[in-house]
Structure formats: structure tokens, C-alpha cells
Amino acid sequence: MVKLRAEEKKLVKDIKLAAGKGDQITVKTLAKSLVRLRQQVGKLTASEALMRGVGTNLTVRFFKPEFDGPEGP
């Protein structure tokens, strides 16, 4: 996740440099890459949250055997 955030900062910097030079084609390409990168970060964050939820559920089931959950006894 840290590497993705660093890549995002680099892309923003590169976009600003290209915009300053007036290179619209490069700006457009880098902007698309930035959008894709931010989508990847969002998906990764959602996956991490899901895995934490599964881990918590397993922990509760391991330490509380009487926990029936939504499916019932």
C-alpha cells in the first residue's frame, strides 16, 4: 500500500511537470494511469477490510464455540 501511495505522488508530480511544459498528450496518459492507480488502491482497501472481517469472525468462532452466527444451530 505504501508503494502505491508513493507511485501516486510520483504520478501527480509528473502530471504537473508535463502540464507546465504544455504536453497535453502526456498529461492525459498520466491522468488515466492515476485514475487506474486510485481504483487499485480502493479495491485493495476493500479487500483488506474484508480479510479483517473474516479474521475477526474466525477469531470469534475459535474462542467462542457457542457462537452460532447467522446460520443458526
N, C-alpha and C. Protein backbone atom coordinates (compact mmCIF):
# COMPACT_ATOMS: atom_id res chain seq x y z
N MET A 1 0.83 -1.19 0.00
CA MET A 1 0.00 0.00 0.00
C MET A 1 0.87 1.25 0.00
N VAL A 2 1.98 1.20 0.73
CA VAL A 2 2.89 2.34 0.80
C VAL A 2 3.49 2.62 -0.59
N LYS A 3 3.83 1.56 -1.29
CA LYS A 3 4.41 1.73 -2.63
C LYS A 3 3.39 2.35 -3.59
N LEU A 4 2.13 1.97 -3.45
CA LEU A 4 1.09 2.55 -4.30
C LEU A 4 0.91 4.04 -4.02
N ARG A 5 0.97 4.40 -2.75
CA ARG A 5 0.84 5.83 -2.39
C ARG A 5 2.03 6.63 -2.93
N ALA A 6 3.23 6.04 -2.87
CA ALA A 6 4.41 6.71 -3.40
C ALA A 6 4.29 6.86 -4.92
N GLU A 7 3.78 5.84 -5.57
CA GLU A 7 3.57 5.91 -7.02
C GLU A 7 2.55 6.98 -7.37
N GLU A 8 1.52 7.12 -6.54
CA GLU A 8 0.50 8.14 -6.78
C GLU A 8 1.12 9.55 -6.70
N LYS A 9 1.96 9.76 -5.69
CA LYS A 9 2.62 11.06 -5.55
C LYS A 9 3.52 11.35 -6.74
N LYS A 10 4.21 10.32 -7.22
CA LYS A 10 5.10 10.48 -8.38
C LYS A 10 4.29 10.84 -9.63
N LEU A 11 3.16 10.18 -9.80
CA LEU A 11 2.31 10.47 -10.96
C LEU A 11 1.78 11.90 -10.92
N VAL A 12 1.37 12.35 -9.75
CA VAL A 12 0.86 13.72 -9.62
C VAL A 12 1.97 14.71 -9.96
N LYS A 13 3.16 14.45 -9.48
CA LYS A 13 4.30 15.32 -9.78
C LYS A 13 4.59 15.34 -11.28
N ASP A 14 4.58 14.15 -11.90
CA ASP A 14 4.84 14.06 -13.34
C ASP A 14 3.76 14.78 -14.16
N ILE A 15 2.51 14.68 -13.70
CA ILE A 15 1.41 15.37 -14.40
C ILE A 15 1.62 16.88 -14.35
N LYS A 16 2.01 17.37 -13.18
CA LYS A 16 2.25 18.81 -13.04
C LYS A 16 3.40 19.28 -13.93
N LEU A 17 4.47 18.47 -13.99
CA LEU A 17 5.60 18.82 -14.84
C LEU A 17 5.21 18.85 -16.32
N ALA A 18 4.46 17.83 -16.75
CA ALA A 18 4.04 17.76 -18.14
C ALA A 18 3.07 18.89 -18.48
N ALA A 19 2.21 19.23 -17.53
CA ALA A 19 1.27 20.33 -17.77
C ALA A 19 2.02 21.65 -17.89
N GLY A 20 3.05 21.81 -17.10
CA GLY A 20 3.85 23.02 -17.16
C GLY A 20 4.56 23.18 -18.50
N LYS A 21 4.91 22.05 -19.11
CA LYS A 21 5.56 22.07 -20.41
C LYS A 21 4.55 22.17 -21.55
N GLY A 22 3.28 22.01 -21.22
CA GLY A 22 2.23 22.09 -22.24
C GLY A 22 2.03 20.80 -23.02
N ASP A 23 2.50 19.69 -22.49
CA ASP A 23 2.40 18.39 -23.17
C ASP A 23 1.08 17.71 -22.78
N GLN A 24 0.02 18.02 -23.50
CA GLN A 24 -1.31 17.54 -23.14
C GLN A 24 -1.48 16.03 -23.34
N ILE A 25 -0.79 15.46 -24.30
CA ILE A 25 -0.90 14.02 -24.54
C ILE A 25 -0.35 13.25 -23.34
N THR A 26 0.81 13.69 -22.86
CA THR A 26 1.41 13.04 -21.70
C THR A 26 0.54 13.24 -20.46
N VAL A 27 0.00 14.43 -20.30
CA VAL A 27 -0.87 14.71 -19.15
C VAL A 27 -2.07 13.78 -19.17
N LYS A 28 -2.67 13.60 -20.32
CA LYS A 28 -3.85 12.74 -20.43
C LYS A 28 -3.50 11.29 -20.11
N THR A 29 -2.38 10.82 -20.62
CA THR A 29 -1.94 9.44 -20.37
C THR A 29 -1.65 9.22 -18.89
N LEU A 30 -0.93 10.16 -18.28
CA LEU A 30 -0.60 10.04 -16.87
C LEU A 30 -1.85 10.15 -16.00
N ALA A 31 -2.79 10.98 -16.39
CA ALA A 31 -4.03 11.12 -15.63
C ALA A 31 -4.83 9.81 -15.65
N LYS A 32 -4.84 9.15 -16.79
CA LYS A 32 -5.53 7.85 -16.86
C LYS A 32 -4.85 6.83 -15.96
N SER A 33 -3.51 6.87 -15.94
CA SER A 33 -2.77 5.97 -15.06
C SER A 33 -3.08 6.26 -13.60
N LEU A 34 -3.20 7.53 -13.27
CA LEU A 34 -3.52 7.93 -11.90
C LEU A 34 -4.91 7.44 -11.49
N VAL A 35 -5.86 7.54 -12.39
CA VAL A 35 -7.22 7.05 -12.11
C VAL A 35 -7.19 5.55 -11.86
N ARG A 36 -6.48 4.81 -12.71
CA ARG A 36 -6.38 3.35 -12.53
C ARG A 36 -5.70 3.00 -11.21
N LEU A 37 -4.66 3.74 -10.87
CA LEU A 37 -3.95 3.50 -9.62
C LEU A 37 -4.87 3.74 -8.42
N ARG A 38 -5.64 4.81 -8.46
CA ARG A 38 -6.55 5.09 -7.36
C ARG A 38 -7.65 4.04 -7.26
N GLN A 39 -8.08 3.49 -8.38
CA GLN A 39 -9.06 2.41 -8.36
C GLN A 39 -8.44 1.16 -7.72
N GLN A 40 -7.18 0.89 -8.04
CA GLN A 40 -6.49 -0.26 -7.44
C GLN A 40 -6.38 -0.09 -5.93
N VAL A 41 -6.06 1.11 -5.49
CA VAL A 41 -5.95 1.37 -4.05
C VAL A 41 -7.30 1.14 -3.38
N GLY A 42 -8.37 1.59 -4.01
CA GLY A 42 -9.71 1.38 -3.46
C GLY A 42 -10.06 -0.09 -3.36
N LYS A 43 -9.75 -0.86 -4.38
CA LYS A 43 -10.04 -2.30 -4.35
C LYS A 43 -9.19 -3.00 -3.29
N LEU A 44 -7.94 -2.60 -3.18
CA LEU A 44 -7.06 -3.19 -2.18
C LEU A 44 -7.55 -2.88 -0.77
N THR A 45 -7.99 -1.67 -0.55
CA THR A 45 -8.51 -1.28 0.76
C THR A 45 -9.76 -2.10 1.10
N ALA A 46 -10.62 -2.29 0.11
CA ALA A 46 -11.83 -3.09 0.33
C ALA A 46 -11.46 -4.55 0.64
N SER A 47 -10.47 -5.08 -0.06
CA SER A 47 -10.04 -6.45 0.18
C SER A 47 -9.45 -6.60 1.58
N GLU A 48 -8.66 -5.61 2.00
CA GLU A 48 -8.10 -5.66 3.35
C GLU A 48 -9.19 -5.65 4.40
N ALA A 49 -10.20 -4.82 4.19
CA ALA A 49 -11.31 -4.75 5.15
C ALA A 49 -12.05 -6.08 5.21
N LEU A 50 -12.26 -6.69 4.05
CA LEU A 50 -12.95 -7.99 4.01
C LEU A 50 -12.14 -9.05 4.74
N MET A 51 -10.84 -9.06 4.51
CA MET A 51 -9.99 -10.05 5.17
C MET A 51 -9.96 -9.84 6.68
N ARG A 52 -9.96 -8.59 7.11
CA ARG A 52 -10.02 -8.32 8.55
C ARG A 52 -11.33 -8.82 9.15
N GLY A 53 -12.41 -8.63 8.41
CA GLY A 53 -13.71 -9.11 8.88
C GLY A 53 -13.75 -10.62 8.99
N VAL A 54 -13.20 -11.29 8.00
CA VAL A 54 -13.14 -12.75 8.04
C VAL A 54 -12.28 -13.21 9.20
N GLY A 55 -11.15 -12.53 9.40
CA GLY A 55 -10.26 -12.88 10.51
C GLY A 55 -10.94 -12.70 11.85
N THR A 56 -11.68 -11.62 11.99
CA THR A 56 -12.40 -11.37 13.23
C THR A 56 -13.46 -12.44 13.46
N ASN A 57 -14.16 -12.79 12.40
CA ASN A 57 -15.20 -13.82 12.50
C ASN A 57 -14.60 -15.15 12.93
N LEU A 58 -13.46 -15.50 12.34
CA LEU A 58 -12.81 -16.76 12.70
C LEU A 58 -12.32 -16.73 14.15
N THR A 59 -11.80 -15.59 14.57
CA THR A 59 -11.34 -15.45 15.94
C THR A 59 -12.49 -15.64 16.92
N VAL A 60 -13.61 -15.01 16.62
CA VAL A 60 -14.78 -15.14 17.49
C VAL A 60 -15.24 -16.59 17.52
N ARG A 61 -15.28 -17.23 16.39
CA ARG A 61 -15.73 -18.64 16.35
C ARG A 61 -14.75 -19.56 17.08
N PHE A 62 -13.46 -19.24 17.03
CA PHE A 62 -12.47 -20.09 17.68
C PHE A 62 -12.55 -19.96 19.19
N PHE A 63 -12.69 -18.74 19.68
CA PHE A 63 -12.69 -18.52 21.12
C PHE A 63 -14.07 -18.64 21.76
N LYS A 64 -15.13 -18.63 20.96
CA LYS A 64 -16.48 -18.77 21.48
C LYS A 64 -17.19 -19.87 20.69
N PRO A 65 -17.00 -21.09 21.05
CA PRO A 65 -17.62 -22.19 20.28
C PRO A 65 -19.14 -22.14 20.29
N GLU A 66 -19.74 -21.49 21.28
CA GLU A 66 -21.20 -21.41 21.33
C GLU A 66 -21.75 -20.39 20.34
N PHE A 67 -20.88 -19.63 19.68
CA PHE A 67 -21.34 -18.64 18.70
C PHE A 67 -21.92 -19.36 17.49
N ASP A 68 -23.21 -19.12 17.23
CA ASP A 68 -23.90 -19.82 16.15
C ASP A 68 -23.84 -19.07 14.85
N GLY A 69 -23.76 -17.75 14.88
CA GLY A 69 -23.74 -16.96 13.66
C GLY A 69 -25.09 -16.91 13.00
N PRO A 70 -25.16 -16.39 11.80
CA PRO A 70 -26.44 -16.19 11.12
C PRO A 70 -27.12 -17.48 10.66
N GLU A 71 -26.35 -18.57 10.52
CA GLU A 71 -26.96 -19.80 10.02
C GLU A 71 -27.68 -20.59 11.10
N GLY A 72 -27.44 -20.26 12.35
CA GLY A 72 -28.16 -20.92 13.44
C GLY A 72 -27.51 -22.23 13.85
N PRO A 73 -28.08 -22.90 14.86
CA PRO A 73 -27.50 -24.16 15.37
C PRO A 73 -27.70 -25.32 14.46
